[in-house]
């Protein structure tokens, strides 16, 4: 499992972008993070399809489940895929924060490993 494709994102900047773009950034965030996680997990998850499914009633639960599943595979947190799905459905901003914090940890650890190889 390679983690070099995960990008570190600033939560404050994300929050401001979500407000300025009237929520469109949240859709972009879903697409980009599921794409990065699928690439790092070497899974065949189609990020574009999962983003489109967000707009289809009941299919959006599947898209959220896939996002939470990808996070469960890539991270070593206590947030499993079912708990992630429940959090995503009940209070999406909390899932967004937890997910992004986990991805930031992975991005920072990959960056520190990369800098250790250079030295």
N, C-alpha and C. Protein backbone atom coordinates (compact mmCIF):
# COMPACT_ATOMS: atom_id res chain seq x y z
N UNK A 1 0.86 -1.18 0.00
CA UNK A 1 0.00 0.00 0.00
C UNK A 1 0.89 1.23 0.00
N UNK A 2 0.81 2.00 -1.04
CA UNK A 2 1.58 3.24 -1.13
C UNK A 2 0.71 4.42 -0.72
N UNK A 3 1.29 5.32 0.04
CA UNK A 3 0.51 6.42 0.57
C UNK A 3 0.99 7.76 0.02
N UNK A 4 1.80 7.74 -1.03
CA UNK A 4 2.36 8.99 -1.54
C UNK A 4 1.34 9.83 -2.29
N UNK A 5 0.22 9.25 -2.69
CA UNK A 5 -0.76 10.00 -3.46
C UNK A 5 -1.70 10.82 -2.58
N UNK A 6 -1.65 10.64 -1.28
CA UNK A 6 -2.54 11.36 -0.36
C UNK A 6 -1.99 12.78 -0.16
N UNK A 7 -2.86 13.76 -0.34
CA UNK A 7 -2.46 15.16 -0.17
C UNK A 7 -2.91 15.68 1.18
N UNK A 8 -2.08 16.54 1.75
CA UNK A 8 -2.43 17.20 3.00
C UNK A 8 -3.27 18.43 2.66
N UNK A 9 -4.40 18.58 3.34
CA UNK A 9 -5.29 19.71 3.11
C UNK A 9 -5.56 20.43 4.42
N UNK A 10 -5.62 21.74 4.36
CA UNK A 10 -5.89 22.58 5.53
C UNK A 10 -7.40 22.62 5.76
N UNK A 11 -7.83 22.24 6.95
CA UNK A 11 -9.27 22.20 7.25
C UNK A 11 -9.91 23.59 7.24
N UNK A 12 -9.20 24.61 7.70
CA UNK A 12 -9.75 25.97 7.69
C UNK A 12 -9.96 26.46 6.26
N UNK A 13 -9.00 26.20 5.40
CA UNK A 13 -9.14 26.58 3.99
C UNK A 13 -10.30 25.82 3.35
N UNK A 14 -10.43 24.54 3.69
CA UNK A 14 -11.54 23.75 3.15
C UNK A 14 -12.88 24.32 3.59
N UNK A 15 -12.98 24.68 4.85
CA UNK A 15 -14.21 25.25 5.38
C UNK A 15 -14.56 26.54 4.64
N UNK A 16 -13.57 27.40 4.45
CA UNK A 16 -13.82 28.65 3.73
C UNK A 16 -14.19 28.40 2.27
N UNK A 17 -13.54 27.46 1.64
CA UNK A 17 -13.88 27.12 0.26
C UNK A 17 -15.30 26.56 0.15
N UNK A 18 -15.70 25.77 1.12
CA UNK A 18 -17.07 25.22 1.12
C UNK A 18 -18.09 26.34 1.23
N UNK A 19 -17.80 27.36 2.03
CA UNK A 19 -18.73 28.48 2.18
C UNK A 19 -18.74 29.34 0.91
N UNK A 20 -17.57 29.68 0.41
CA UNK A 20 -17.47 30.56 -0.76
C UNK A 20 -18.09 29.91 -2.00
N UNK A 21 -17.93 28.61 -2.15
CA UNK A 21 -18.46 27.92 -3.34
C UNK A 21 -19.86 27.36 -3.11
N UNK A 22 -20.48 27.71 -2.00
CA UNK A 22 -21.83 27.24 -1.67
C UNK A 22 -21.93 25.72 -1.67
N UNK A 23 -20.89 25.06 -1.16
CA UNK A 23 -20.90 23.61 -1.00
C UNK A 23 -20.34 22.82 -2.16
N UNK A 24 -20.03 23.46 -3.27
CA UNK A 24 -19.50 22.73 -4.42
C UNK A 24 -18.14 22.12 -4.08
N UNK A 25 -17.37 22.80 -3.24
CA UNK A 25 -16.07 22.25 -2.84
C UNK A 25 -16.24 20.90 -2.14
N UNK A 26 -17.31 20.71 -1.42
CA UNK A 26 -17.53 19.44 -0.72
C UNK A 26 -17.64 18.28 -1.71
N UNK A 27 -18.26 18.54 -2.84
CA UNK A 27 -18.37 17.52 -3.88
C UNK A 27 -16.99 17.22 -4.45
N UNK A 28 -16.22 18.28 -4.71
CA UNK A 28 -14.85 18.10 -5.20
C UNK A 28 -14.02 17.33 -4.17
N UNK A 29 -14.17 17.66 -2.88
CA UNK A 29 -13.43 16.98 -1.83
C UNK A 29 -13.75 15.48 -1.82
N UNK A 30 -15.03 15.15 -1.94
CA UNK A 30 -15.44 13.74 -1.96
C UNK A 30 -14.75 13.02 -3.13
N UNK A 31 -14.79 13.62 -4.31
CA UNK A 31 -14.18 13.02 -5.49
C UNK A 31 -12.67 12.85 -5.32
N UNK A 32 -11.99 13.92 -4.90
CA UNK A 32 -10.53 13.86 -4.84
C UNK A 32 -10.05 12.92 -3.74
N UNK A 33 -10.70 12.91 -2.60
CA UNK A 33 -10.24 12.03 -1.52
C UNK A 33 -10.51 10.56 -1.83
N UNK A 34 -11.66 10.26 -2.41
CA UNK A 34 -11.92 8.84 -2.74
C UNK A 34 -10.99 8.38 -3.85
N UNK A 35 -10.66 9.28 -4.76
CA UNK A 35 -9.72 8.96 -5.82
C UNK A 35 -8.33 8.67 -5.25
N UNK A 36 -7.87 9.52 -4.35
CA UNK A 36 -6.56 9.34 -3.72
C UNK A 36 -6.51 8.06 -2.89
N UNK A 37 -7.57 7.81 -2.12
CA UNK A 37 -7.58 6.62 -1.29
C UNK A 37 -7.63 5.35 -2.15
N UNK A 38 -8.42 5.36 -3.21
CA UNK A 38 -8.51 4.19 -4.09
C UNK A 38 -7.16 3.92 -4.75
N UNK A 39 -6.48 4.98 -5.15
CA UNK A 39 -5.16 4.82 -5.76
C UNK A 39 -4.17 4.25 -4.74
N UNK A 40 -4.19 4.77 -3.54
CA UNK A 40 -3.28 4.28 -2.50
C UNK A 40 -3.61 2.85 -2.09
N UNK A 41 -4.89 2.50 -2.09
CA UNK A 41 -5.32 1.14 -1.72
C UNK A 41 -5.21 0.16 -2.88
N UNK A 42 -4.94 0.68 -4.06
CA UNK A 42 -4.90 -0.13 -5.28
C UNK A 42 -6.24 -0.82 -5.53
N UNK A 43 -7.33 -0.11 -5.23
CA UNK A 43 -8.65 -0.68 -5.47
C UNK A 43 -9.19 -0.14 -6.79
N UNK A 44 -10.23 -0.74 -7.26
CA UNK A 44 -10.81 -0.36 -8.55
C UNK A 44 -12.01 0.57 -8.40
N UNK A 45 -12.07 1.29 -7.30
CA UNK A 45 -13.18 2.20 -7.05
C UNK A 45 -13.17 3.33 -8.07
N UNK A 46 -14.31 3.57 -8.69
CA UNK A 46 -14.45 4.64 -9.67
C UNK A 46 -14.91 5.91 -8.94
N UNK A 47 -14.01 6.85 -8.77
CA UNK A 47 -14.31 8.07 -8.01
C UNK A 47 -15.40 8.91 -8.67
N UNK A 48 -15.38 8.98 -10.00
CA UNK A 48 -16.40 9.76 -10.70
C UNK A 48 -17.79 9.16 -10.48
N UNK A 49 -17.89 7.85 -10.57
CA UNK A 49 -19.18 7.18 -10.36
C UNK A 49 -19.67 7.39 -8.92
N UNK A 50 -18.76 7.26 -7.97
CA UNK A 50 -19.15 7.45 -6.56
C UNK A 50 -19.59 8.88 -6.29
N UNK A 51 -19.03 9.84 -7.00
CA UNK A 51 -19.44 11.24 -6.85
C UNK A 51 -20.81 11.47 -7.48
N UNK A 52 -21.06 10.88 -8.62
CA UNK A 52 -22.37 11.00 -9.27
C UNK A 52 -23.45 10.34 -8.41
N UNK A 53 -23.12 9.22 -7.78
CA UNK A 53 -24.10 8.52 -6.94
C UNK A 53 -24.53 9.35 -5.73
N UNK A 54 -23.73 10.34 -5.35
CA UNK A 54 -24.12 11.22 -4.24
C UNK A 54 -25.43 11.94 -4.52
N UNK A 55 -25.77 12.13 -5.78
CA UNK A 55 -26.96 12.89 -6.16
C UNK A 55 -28.19 12.02 -6.38
N UNK A 56 -28.04 10.71 -6.25
CA UNK A 56 -29.15 9.78 -6.48
C UNK A 56 -29.62 9.25 -5.13
N UNK A 57 -30.90 9.47 -4.81
CA UNK A 57 -31.41 9.00 -3.52
C UNK A 57 -31.17 7.50 -3.33
N UNK A 58 -30.81 7.13 -2.14
CA UNK A 58 -30.49 5.79 -1.69
C UNK A 58 -29.17 5.27 -2.26
N UNK A 59 -28.82 5.64 -3.49
CA UNK A 59 -27.51 5.26 -4.03
C UNK A 59 -26.43 6.08 -3.34
N UNK A 60 -26.82 7.25 -2.82
CA UNK A 60 -25.84 8.07 -2.13
C UNK A 60 -25.32 7.38 -0.86
N UNK A 61 -26.13 6.54 -0.24
CA UNK A 61 -25.66 5.79 0.92
C UNK A 61 -24.55 4.82 0.53
N UNK A 62 -24.68 4.23 -0.65
CA UNK A 62 -23.63 3.33 -1.15
C UNK A 62 -22.33 4.11 -1.40
N UNK A 63 -22.44 5.29 -1.99
CA UNK A 63 -21.26 6.11 -2.25
C UNK A 63 -20.58 6.51 -0.95
N UNK A 64 -21.37 6.84 0.06
CA UNK A 64 -20.82 7.17 1.36
C UNK A 64 -20.15 5.94 2.00
N UNK A 65 -20.78 4.79 1.85
CA UNK A 65 -20.22 3.55 2.38
C UNK A 65 -18.88 3.22 1.73
N UNK A 66 -18.79 3.41 0.42
CA UNK A 66 -17.53 3.14 -0.29
C UNK A 66 -16.44 4.10 0.19
N UNK A 67 -16.80 5.37 0.38
CA UNK A 67 -15.82 6.35 0.88
C UNK A 67 -15.33 5.93 2.27
N UNK A 68 -16.25 5.57 3.14
CA UNK A 68 -15.88 5.14 4.50
C UNK A 68 -15.07 3.84 4.46
N UNK A 69 -15.38 2.96 3.53
CA UNK A 69 -14.63 1.71 3.39
C UNK A 69 -13.19 1.97 2.95
N UNK A 70 -13.02 2.87 2.00
CA UNK A 70 -11.67 3.22 1.55
C UNK A 70 -10.87 3.83 2.70
N UNK A 71 -11.51 4.66 3.50
CA UNK A 71 -10.83 5.26 4.65
C UNK A 71 -10.47 4.18 5.67
N UNK A 72 -11.37 3.24 5.89
CA UNK A 72 -11.12 2.15 6.84
C UNK A 72 -9.90 1.33 6.43
N UNK A 73 -9.77 1.08 5.12
CA UNK A 73 -8.66 0.27 4.63
C UNK A 73 -7.33 1.03 4.77
N UNK A 74 -7.33 2.29 4.44
CA UNK A 74 -6.08 3.05 4.38
C UNK A 74 -5.62 3.56 5.74
N UNK A 75 -6.55 3.79 6.65
CA UNK A 75 -6.15 4.37 7.94
C UNK A 75 -6.15 3.30 9.02
N UNK A 76 -5.50 3.64 10.10
CA UNK A 76 -5.45 2.72 11.23
C UNK A 76 -6.22 3.31 12.41
N UNK A 77 -7.24 4.08 12.11
CA UNK A 77 -8.01 4.73 13.17
C UNK A 77 -9.07 3.78 13.72
N UNK A 78 -9.73 4.22 14.74
CA UNK A 78 -10.80 3.41 15.34
C UNK A 78 -12.13 3.60 14.62
N UNK A 79 -12.14 4.42 13.59
CA UNK A 79 -13.36 4.69 12.82
C UNK A 79 -13.49 3.62 11.73
N UNK A 80 -14.29 2.58 11.99
CA UNK A 80 -14.47 1.55 10.97
C UNK A 80 -15.48 2.03 9.93
N UNK A 81 -15.69 1.21 8.90
CA UNK A 81 -16.53 1.66 7.79
C UNK A 81 -17.99 1.86 8.19
N UNK A 82 -18.52 1.06 9.08
CA UNK A 82 -19.93 1.24 9.48
C UNK A 82 -20.10 2.47 10.37
N UNK A 83 -19.17 2.69 11.26
CA UNK A 83 -19.21 3.89 12.09
C UNK A 83 -19.00 5.14 11.22
N UNK A 84 -18.09 5.03 10.26
CA UNK A 84 -17.87 6.12 9.31
C UNK A 84 -19.11 6.43 8.50
N UNK A 85 -19.79 5.39 8.04
CA UNK A 85 -21.03 5.58 7.28
C UNK A 85 -22.09 6.26 8.13
N UNK A 86 -22.25 5.80 9.36
CA UNK A 86 -23.23 6.41 10.26
C UNK A 86 -22.91 7.88 10.50
N UNK A 87 -21.65 8.19 10.71
CA UNK A 87 -21.24 9.57 10.93
C UNK A 87 -21.45 10.40 9.68
N UNK A 88 -21.14 9.83 8.51
CA UNK A 88 -21.33 10.53 7.24
C UNK A 88 -22.80 10.86 7.01
N UNK A 89 -23.68 9.92 7.32
CA UNK A 89 -25.12 10.13 7.12
C UNK A 89 -25.69 11.11 8.15
N UNK A 90 -25.34 10.94 9.42
CA UNK A 90 -25.95 11.72 10.48
C UNK A 90 -25.37 13.13 10.63
N UNK A 91 -24.06 13.25 10.45
CA UNK A 91 -23.44 14.57 10.61
C UNK A 91 -22.19 14.63 9.72
N UNK A 92 -22.41 14.94 8.45
CA UNK A 92 -21.34 14.94 7.46
C UNK A 92 -20.13 15.79 7.82
N UNK A 93 -20.32 17.00 8.40
CA UNK A 93 -19.12 17.78 8.74
C UNK A 93 -18.18 17.06 9.71
N UNK A 94 -18.72 16.29 10.64
CA UNK A 94 -17.86 15.55 11.58
C UNK A 94 -17.07 14.48 10.83
N UNK A 95 -17.73 13.79 9.90
CA UNK A 95 -17.02 12.78 9.10
C UNK A 95 -15.93 13.44 8.28
N UNK A 96 -16.24 14.59 7.70
CA UNK A 96 -15.28 15.34 6.88
C UNK A 96 -14.04 15.67 7.71
N UNK A 97 -14.23 16.14 8.92
CA UNK A 97 -13.11 16.51 9.78
C UNK A 97 -12.29 15.28 10.16
N UNK A 98 -12.97 14.22 10.60
CA UNK A 98 -12.26 13.00 11.01
C UNK A 98 -11.51 12.41 9.83
N UNK A 99 -12.16 12.33 8.69
CA UNK A 99 -11.53 11.77 7.50
C UNK A 99 -10.32 12.59 7.08
N UNK A 100 -10.47 13.90 7.04
CA UNK A 100 -9.36 14.75 6.61
C UNK A 100 -8.21 14.71 7.59
N UNK A 101 -8.49 14.64 8.87
CA UNK A 101 -7.41 14.51 9.86
C UNK A 101 -6.63 13.21 9.66
N UNK A 102 -7.35 12.12 9.38
CA UNK A 102 -6.68 10.84 9.11
C UNK A 102 -5.84 10.92 7.84
N UNK A 103 -6.39 11.53 6.79
CA UNK A 103 -5.64 11.66 5.54
C UNK A 103 -4.43 12.56 5.72
N UNK A 104 -4.56 13.61 6.52
CA UNK A 104 -3.42 14.49 6.79
C UNK A 104 -2.31 13.74 7.52
N UNK A 105 -2.70 12.87 8.47
CA UNK A 105 -1.70 12.06 9.17
C UNK A 105 -0.94 11.17 8.19
N UNK A 106 -1.69 10.55 7.27
CA UNK A 106 -1.05 9.68 6.29
C UNK A 106 -0.14 10.46 5.35
N UNK A 107 -0.58 11.65 4.95
CA UNK A 107 0.23 12.48 4.06
C UNK A 107 1.51 12.93 4.76
N UNK A 108 1.40 13.29 6.03
CA UNK A 108 2.58 13.73 6.78
C UNK A 108 3.54 12.57 7.02
N UNK A 109 3.01 11.39 7.30
CA UNK A 109 3.90 10.24 7.52
C UNK A 109 4.60 9.86 6.21
N UNK A 110 3.90 9.94 5.10
CA UNK A 110 4.52 9.65 3.81
C UNK A 110 5.58 10.68 3.47
N UNK A 111 5.33 11.94 3.83
CA UNK A 111 6.31 13.00 3.57
C UNK A 111 7.54 12.81 4.44
N UNK A 112 7.36 12.40 5.69
CA UNK A 112 8.51 12.20 6.57
C UNK A 112 9.32 10.98 6.13
N UNK A 113 8.66 9.95 5.62
CA UNK A 113 9.38 8.79 5.11
C UNK A 113 10.15 9.17 3.85
N UNK A 114 9.52 10.00 3.01
CA UNK A 114 10.19 10.46 1.79
C UNK A 114 11.40 11.32 2.09
N UNK A 115 11.30 12.18 3.08
CA UNK A 115 12.44 13.04 3.44
C UNK A 115 13.53 12.22 4.12
N UNK A 116 13.17 11.14 4.82
CA UNK A 116 14.16 10.28 5.46
C UNK A 116 14.95 9.52 4.40
N UNK A 117 14.30 9.16 3.31
CA UNK A 117 14.99 8.44 2.22
C UNK A 117 15.99 9.36 1.51
N UNK A 118 15.64 10.63 1.40
CA UNK A 118 16.51 11.60 0.72
C UNK A 118 17.77 11.85 1.55
N UNK A 119 17.60 11.94 2.86
CA UNK A 119 18.74 12.29 3.74
C UNK A 119 19.78 11.21 3.84
